[in-house]
């Protein structure tokens, strides 16, 4: 190892430990920005990586970030994975909006053979219909339009509630990749 030849074995290990600590600190600093919008290309569109919204209220089933798998590459290299086990399982996550107005909401979601059906709500207002997460193979949807919502500047909440499952589905799981809030003409 080059560092061992230059600094000696003891110093090389100390340098590696310091580097590892710096990587962990940088990772944790990035994760502490929970609920912040990904850098939008303009003030008109806000994109939120669902897995970055893990600072949540208590969920009724396990909720975690899941890295790319199963032949799928999610935006941000992860999705928010909800391991629901029955209808009525729910979780809520928070996000911040930098400017109030009317927004058209869409989501990039995941479908799989063990995914259930669910609804999404923003600040208690249900958006869109029931989403059937079943697919015989793991797939990432394109943008699923959910409808419009008026938001003030500040903190808001997204709630997912499991409603059931397709008869062909083997479980009630849910996977959310990305939420997009696009400023509408009304805003």
C-alpha atoms as a PDB file:
ATOM      1  CA  UNK A   1       0.000   0.000   0.000  1.00  0.00           C
ATOM      2  CA  UNK A   2       1.447   3.417  -0.989  1.00  0.00           C
ATOM      3  CA  UNK A   3       0.320   5.094   2.260  1.00  0.00           C
ATOM      4  CA  UNK A   4       2.190   2.479   4.325  1.00  0.00           C
ATOM      5  CA  UNK A   5       5.423   3.152   2.430  1.00  0.00           C
ATOM      6  CA  UNK A   6       5.066   6.917   2.843  1.00  0.00           C
ATOM      7  CA  UNK A   7       3.630   7.215   6.372  1.00  0.00           C
ATOM      8  CA  UNK A   8       4.368   3.878   8.060  1.00  0.00           C
ATOM      9  CA  UNK A   9       1.799   1.256   9.150  1.00  0.00           C
ATOM     10  CA  UNK A  10       0.430   3.084  12.222  1.00  0.00           C
ATOM     11  CA  UNK A  11      -0.087   6.380  10.431  1.00  0.00           C
ATOM     12  CA  UNK A  12      -1.624   4.637   7.405  1.00  0.00           C
ATOM     13  CA  UNK A  13      -4.271   3.020   9.604  1.00  0.00           C
ATOM     14  CA  UNK A  14      -4.974   6.372  11.271  1.00  0.00           C
ATOM     15  CA  UNK A  15      -5.361   8.029   7.861  1.00  0.00           C
ATOM     16  CA  UNK A  16      -7.732   5.291   6.689  1.00  0.00           C
ATOM     17  CA  UNK A  17      -9.771   5.621   9.884  1.00  0.00           C
ATOM     18  CA  UNK A  18      -9.952   9.403   9.445  1.00  0.00           C
ATOM     19  CA  UNK A  19     -11.021   8.983   5.819  1.00  0.00           C
ATOM     20  CA  UNK A  20     -13.723   6.473   6.797  1.00  0.00           C
ATOM     21  CA  UNK A  21     -14.980   8.847   9.506  1.00  0.00           C
ATOM     22  CA  UNK A  22     -15.101  11.711   6.985  1.00  0.00           C
ATOM     23  CA  UNK A  23     -17.143   9.582   4.554  1.00  0.00           C
ATOM     24  CA  UNK A  24     -19.602   8.599   7.310  1.00  0.00           C
ATOM     25  CA  UNK A  25     -19.911  12.235   8.467  1.00  0.00           C
ATOM     26  CA  UNK A  26     -20.552  13.438   4.914  1.00  0.00           C
ATOM     27  CA  UNK A  27     -23.179  10.730   4.420  1.00  0.00           C
ATOM     28  CA  UNK A  28     -24.945  11.613   7.665  1.00  0.00           C
ATOM     29  CA  UNK A  29     -24.848  15.316   6.787  1.00  0.00           C
ATOM     30  CA  UNK A  30     -26.586  14.519   3.506  1.00  0.00           C
ATOM     31  CA  UNK A  31     -29.209  12.411   5.278  1.00  0.00           C
ATOM     32  CA  UNK A  32     -29.940  15.166   7.802  1.00  0.00           C
ATOM     33  CA  UNK A  33     -31.546  17.259   5.080  1.00  0.00           C
ATOM     34  CA  UNK A  34     -34.654  15.121   5.315  1.00  0.00           C
ATOM     35  CA  UNK A  35     -37.673  16.556   3.562  1.00  0.00           C
ATOM     36  CA  UNK A  36     -35.707  19.012   1.459  1.00  0.00           C
ATOM     37  CA  UNK A  37     -36.465  19.226  -2.226  1.00  0.00           C
ATOM     38  CA  UNK A  38     -33.869  17.878  -4.601  1.00  0.00           C
ATOM     39  CA  UNK A  39     -32.235  20.788  -6.393  1.00  0.00           C
ATOM     40  CA  UNK A  40     -34.994  21.745  -8.845  1.00  0.00           C
ATOM     41  CA  UNK A  41     -34.065  23.055 -12.273  1.00  0.00           C
ATOM     42  CA  UNK A  42     -36.461  25.966 -11.789  1.00  0.00           C
ATOM     43  CA  UNK A  43     -38.690  27.421  -9.082  1.00  0.00           C
ATOM     44  CA  UNK A  44     -41.679  25.828 -10.818  1.00  0.00           C
ATOM     45  CA  UNK A  45     -40.864  22.170 -10.085  1.00  0.00           C
ATOM     46  CA  UNK A  46     -39.995  20.489  -6.787  1.00  0.00           C
ATOM     47  CA  UNK A  47     -38.764  16.889  -6.727  1.00  0.00           C
ATOM     48  CA  UNK A  48     -38.523  14.866  -3.516  1.00  0.00           C
ATOM     49  CA  UNK A  49     -36.737  11.530  -3.328  1.00  0.00           C
ATOM     50  CA  UNK A  50     -39.193   9.498  -1.256  1.00  0.00           C
ATOM     51  CA  UNK A  51     -36.408   7.628   0.548  1.00  0.00           C
ATOM     52  CA  UNK A  52     -35.000  10.972   1.759  1.00  0.00           C
ATOM     53  CA  UNK A  53     -38.240  11.608   3.665  1.00  0.00           C
ATOM     54  CA  UNK A  54     -37.596   8.893   6.254  1.00  0.00           C
ATOM     55  CA  UNK A  55     -37.932  11.304   9.187  1.00  0.00           C
ATOM     56  CA  UNK A  56     -41.498  10.234   9.710  1.00  0.00           C
ATOM     57  CA  UNK A  57     -44.212   9.837  12.263  1.00  0.00           C
ATOM     58  CA  UNK A  58     -44.648   6.287  13.558  1.00  0.00           C
ATOM     59  CA  UNK A  59     -45.595   3.818  10.834  1.00  0.00           C
ATOM     60  CA  UNK A  60     -47.803   0.771  11.372  1.00  0.00           C
ATOM     61  CA  UNK A  61     -45.265  -1.480   9.606  1.00  0.00           C
ATOM     62  CA  UNK A  62     -41.510  -1.307   8.860  1.00  0.00           C
ATOM     63  CA  UNK A  63     -40.434   1.518   6.553  1.00  0.00           C
ATOM     64  CA  UNK A  64     -36.934   1.816   5.094  1.00  0.00           C
ATOM     65  CA  UNK A  65     -34.813   2.959   2.188  1.00  0.00           C
ATOM     66  CA  UNK A  66     -34.130   0.142  -0.272  1.00  0.00           C
ATOM     67  CA  UNK A  67     -31.232   0.437  -2.700  1.00  0.00           C
ATOM     68  CA  UNK A  68     -31.387  -0.535  -6.359  1.00  0.00           C
ATOM     69  CA  UNK A  69     -32.329  -4.175  -6.770  1.00  0.00           C
ATOM     70  CA  UNK A  70     -34.208  -6.631  -8.881  1.00  0.00           C
ATOM     71  CA  UNK A  71     -32.983  -5.056 -12.124  1.00  0.00           C
ATOM     72  CA  UNK A  72     -34.433  -1.640 -11.211  1.00  0.00           C
ATOM     73  CA  UNK A  73     -32.435   1.588 -10.883  1.00  0.00           C
ATOM     74  CA  UNK A  74     -34.507   4.120  -8.970  1.00  0.00           C
ATOM     75  CA  UNK A  75     -33.796   7.835  -9.137  1.00  0.00           C
ATOM     76  CA  UNK A  76     -31.408   8.588  -6.294  1.00  0.00           C
ATOM     77  CA  UNK A  77     -30.470   4.867  -6.379  1.00  0.00           C
ATOM     78  CA  UNK A  78     -33.144   3.948  -3.800  1.00  0.00           C
ATOM     79  CA  UNK A  79     -36.852   3.845  -3.052  1.00  0.00           C
ATOM     80  CA  UNK A  80     -38.936   4.168   0.110  1.00  0.00           C
ATOM     81  CA  UNK A  81     -40.020   0.590   0.873  1.00  0.00           C
ATOM     82  CA  UNK A  82     -43.059  -0.026   3.104  1.00  0.00           C
ATOM     83  CA  UNK A  83     -43.397  -3.594   4.381  1.00  0.00           C
ATOM     84  CA  UNK A  84     -47.132  -3.428   5.071  1.00  0.00           C
ATOM     85  CA  UNK A  85     -48.885  -6.620   6.141  1.00  0.00           C
ATOM     86  CA  UNK A  86     -52.588  -5.719   6.021  1.00  0.00           C
ATOM     87  CA  UNK A  87     -55.167  -3.201   4.819  1.00  0.00           C
ATOM     88  CA  UNK A  88     -55.108  -0.072   6.958  1.00  0.00           C
ATOM     89  CA  UNK A  89     -51.326  -0.055   7.395  1.00  0.00           C
ATOM     90  CA  UNK A  90     -50.147   3.520   6.998  1.00  0.00           C
ATOM     91  CA  UNK A  91     -47.207   5.888   7.277  1.00  0.00           C
ATOM     92  CA  UNK A  92     -46.720   9.635   7.045  1.00  0.00           C
ATOM     93  CA  UNK A  93     -43.591  11.528   5.989  1.00  0.00           C
ATOM     94  CA  UNK A  94     -42.902  15.264   5.962  1.00  0.00           C
ATOM     95  CA  UNK A  95     -41.499  17.577   3.292  1.00  0.00           C
ATOM     96  CA  UNK A  96     -40.903  21.319   2.980  1.00  0.00           C
ATOM     97  CA  UNK A  97     -42.208  23.649   0.280  1.00  0.00           C
ATOM     98  CA  UNK A  98     -40.131  26.809  -0.284  1.00  0.00           C
ATOM     99  CA  UNK A  99     -42.970  28.810  -1.895  1.00  0.00           C
ATOM    100  CA  UNK A 100     -46.724  28.551  -1.520  1.00  0.00           C
ATOM    101  CA  UNK A 101     -49.043  28.063  -4.477  1.00  0.00           C
ATOM    102  CA  UNK A 102     -51.005  25.507  -6.458  1.00  0.00           C
ATOM    103  CA  UNK A 103     -49.112  22.391  -7.502  1.00  0.00           C
ATOM    104  CA  UNK A 104     -49.847  19.440  -9.779  1.00  0.00           C
ATOM    105  CA  UNK A 105     -48.555  16.325  -8.032  1.00  0.00           C
ATOM    106  CA  UNK A 106     -47.198  13.173  -9.640  1.00  0.00           C
ATOM    107  CA  UNK A 107     -45.263  10.214  -8.279  1.00  0.00           C
ATOM    108  CA  UNK A 108     -42.873   7.601  -9.605  1.00  0.00           C
ATOM    109  CA  UNK A 109     -43.871   4.335  -7.944  1.00  0.00           C
ATOM    110  CA  UNK A 110     -42.821   0.692  -7.943  1.00  0.00           C
ATOM    111  CA  UNK A 111     -44.903  -2.345  -8.877  1.00  0.00           C
ATOM    112  CA  UNK A 112     -44.092  -5.956  -7.972  1.00  0.00           C
ATOM    113  CA  UNK A 113     -45.769  -9.317  -7.366  1.00  0.00           C
ATOM    114  CA  UNK A 114     -45.855  -8.703  -3.594  1.00  0.00           C
ATOM    115  CA  UNK A 115     -47.111  -5.090  -3.662  1.00  0.00           C
ATOM    116  CA  UNK A 116     -50.565  -4.072  -2.502  1.00  0.00           C
ATOM    117  CA  UNK A 117     -53.016  -1.315  -3.365  1.00  0.00           C
ATOM    118  CA  UNK A 118     -52.956   2.047  -1.622  1.00  0.00           C
ATOM    119  CA  UNK A 119     -53.948   5.691  -1.626  1.00  0.00           C
ATOM    120  CA  UNK A 120     -51.811   8.797  -1.172  1.00  0.00           C
ATOM    121  CA  UNK A 121     -52.817  12.014   0.575  1.00  0.00           C
ATOM    122  CA  UNK A 122     -51.125  15.381   1.057  1.00  0.00           C
ATOM    123  CA  UNK A 123     -52.026  17.133   4.313  1.00  0.00           C
ATOM    124  CA  UNK A 124     -55.000  14.794   4.671  1.00  0.00           C
ATOM    125  CA  UNK A 125     -56.365  15.492   1.156  1.00  0.00           C
ATOM    126  CA  UNK A 126     -56.512  12.279  -0.860  1.00  0.00           C
ATOM    127  CA  UNK A 127     -54.933  12.637  -4.284  1.00  0.00           C
ATOM    128  CA  UNK A 128     -55.721  10.359  -7.195  1.00  0.00           C
ATOM    129  CA  UNK A 129     -57.451   7.019  -6.943  1.00  0.00           C
ATOM    130  CA  UNK A 130     -56.369   3.694  -5.518  1.00  0.00           C
ATOM    131  CA  UNK A 131     -53.000   2.658  -6.957  1.00  0.00           C
ATOM    132  CA  UNK A 132     -52.674  -1.079  -7.685  1.00  0.00           C
ATOM    133  CA  UNK A 133     -49.022  -1.929  -7.031  1.00  0.00           C
ATOM    134  CA  UNK A 134     -49.239  -5.452  -8.450  1.00  0.00           C
ATOM    135  CA  UNK A 135     -47.109  -6.529 -11.417  1.00  0.00           C
ATOM    136  CA  UNK A 136     -45.750 -10.024 -12.149  1.00  0.00           C
ATOM    137  CA  UNK A 137     -42.286  -8.421 -12.496  1.00  0.00           C
ATOM    138  CA  UNK A 138     -40.647  -5.538 -10.629  1.00  0.00           C
ATOM    139  CA  UNK A 139     -41.179  -2.312 -12.571  1.00  0.00           C
ATOM    140  CA  UNK A 140     -40.811   1.419 -11.943  1.00  0.00           C
ATOM    141  CA  UNK A 141     -43.709   3.475 -13.250  1.00  0.00           C
ATOM    142  CA  UNK A 142     -43.380   6.659 -15.189  1.00  0.00           C
ATOM    143  CA  UNK A 143     -45.012   9.702 -13.619  1.00  0.00           C
ATOM    144  CA  UNK A 144     -48.406   8.807 -12.129  1.00  0.00           C
ATOM    145  CA  UNK A 145     -50.567  11.979 -12.067  1.00  0.00           C
ATOM    146  CA  UNK A 146     -52.223  12.379  -8.653  1.00  0.00           C
ATOM    147  CA  UNK A 147     -53.989  15.724  -9.079  1.00  0.00           C
ATOM    148  CA  UNK A 148     -53.634  19.244  -7.784  1.00  0.00           C
ATOM    149  CA  UNK A 149     -53.133  20.644  -4.314  1.00  0.00           C
ATOM    150  CA  UNK A 150     -52.743  24.115  -2.818  1.00  0.00           C
ATOM    151  CA  UNK A 151     -49.765  24.397  -0.476  1.00  0.00           C
ATOM    152  CA  UNK A 152     -48.482  27.203   1.709  1.00  0.00           C
ATOM    153  CA  UNK A 153     -44.772  27.761   2.257  1.00  0.00           C
ATOM    154  CA  UNK A 154     -43.482  25.397   4.954  1.00  0.00           C
ATOM    155  CA  UNK A 155     -43.820  21.824   6.195  1.00  0.00           C
ATOM    156  CA  UNK A 156     -46.392  19.404   4.744  1.00  0.00           C
ATOM    157  CA  UNK A 157     -47.155  15.685   5.001  1.00  0.00           C
ATOM    158  CA  UNK A 158     -47.633  12.802   2.579  1.00  0.00           C
ATOM    159  CA  UNK A 159     -49.602   9.816   3.901  1.00  0.00           C
ATOM    160  CA  UNK A 160     -49.832   6.376   2.305  1.00  0.00           C
ATOM    161  CA  UNK A 161     -52.679   4.077   3.381  1.00  0.00           C
ATOM    162  CA  UNK A 162     -52.878   0.457   2.236  1.00  0.00           C
ATOM    163  CA  UNK A 163     -56.389  -0.374   0.995  1.00  0.00           C
ATOM    164  CA  UNK A 164     -55.947  -4.031   0.009  1.00  0.00           C
ATOM    165  CA  UNK A 165     -54.263  -5.990  -2.747  1.00  0.00           C
ATOM    166  CA  UNK A 166     -54.798  -7.395  -6.183  1.00  0.00           C
ATOM    167  CA  UNK A 167     -55.929 -11.064  -5.947  1.00  0.00           C
ATOM    168  CA  UNK A 168     -52.693 -12.048  -7.717  1.00  0.00           C
ATOM    169  CA  UNK A 169     -50.473 -10.152  -5.242  1.00  0.00           C
ATOM    170  CA  UNK A 170     -48.730 -12.104  -2.493  1.00  0.00           C
ATOM    171  CA  UNK A 171     -48.450  -9.240   0.018  1.00  0.00           C
ATOM    172  CA  UNK A 172     -49.329  -5.610   0.815  1.00  0.00           C
ATOM    173  CA  UNK A 173     -45.925  -3.919   0.288  1.00  0.00           C
ATOM    174  CA  UNK A 174     -45.488  -0.490  -1.320  1.00  0.00           C
ATOM    175  CA  UNK A 175     -42.561   1.228  -3.028  1.00  0.00           C
ATOM    176  CA  UNK A 176     -42.268   4.964  -3.669  1.00  0.00           C
ATOM    177  CA  UNK A 177     -39.395   6.468  -5.633  1.00  0.00           C
ATOM    178  CA  UNK A 178     -39.998  10.152  -6.323  1.00  0.00           C
ATOM    179  CA  UNK A 179     -42.663  12.819  -5.723  1.00  0.00           C
ATOM    180  CA  UNK A 180     -42.866  15.768  -8.138  1.00  0.00           C
ATOM    181  CA  UNK A 181     -44.752  18.989  -7.370  1.00  0.00           C
ATOM    182  CA  UNK A 182     -45.051  21.186 -10.453  1.00  0.00           C
ATOM    183  CA  UNK A 183     -46.356  24.723 -10.046  1.00  0.00           C
ATOM    184  CA  UNK A 184     -49.685  24.912 -11.885  1.00  0.00           C
ATOM    185  CA  UNK A 185     -51.099  27.830 -13.841  1.00  0.00           C
ATOM    186  CA  UNK A 186     -53.427  28.462 -10.875  1.00  0.00           C
ATOM    187  CA  UNK A 187     -50.406  29.074  -8.588  1.00  0.00           C
END
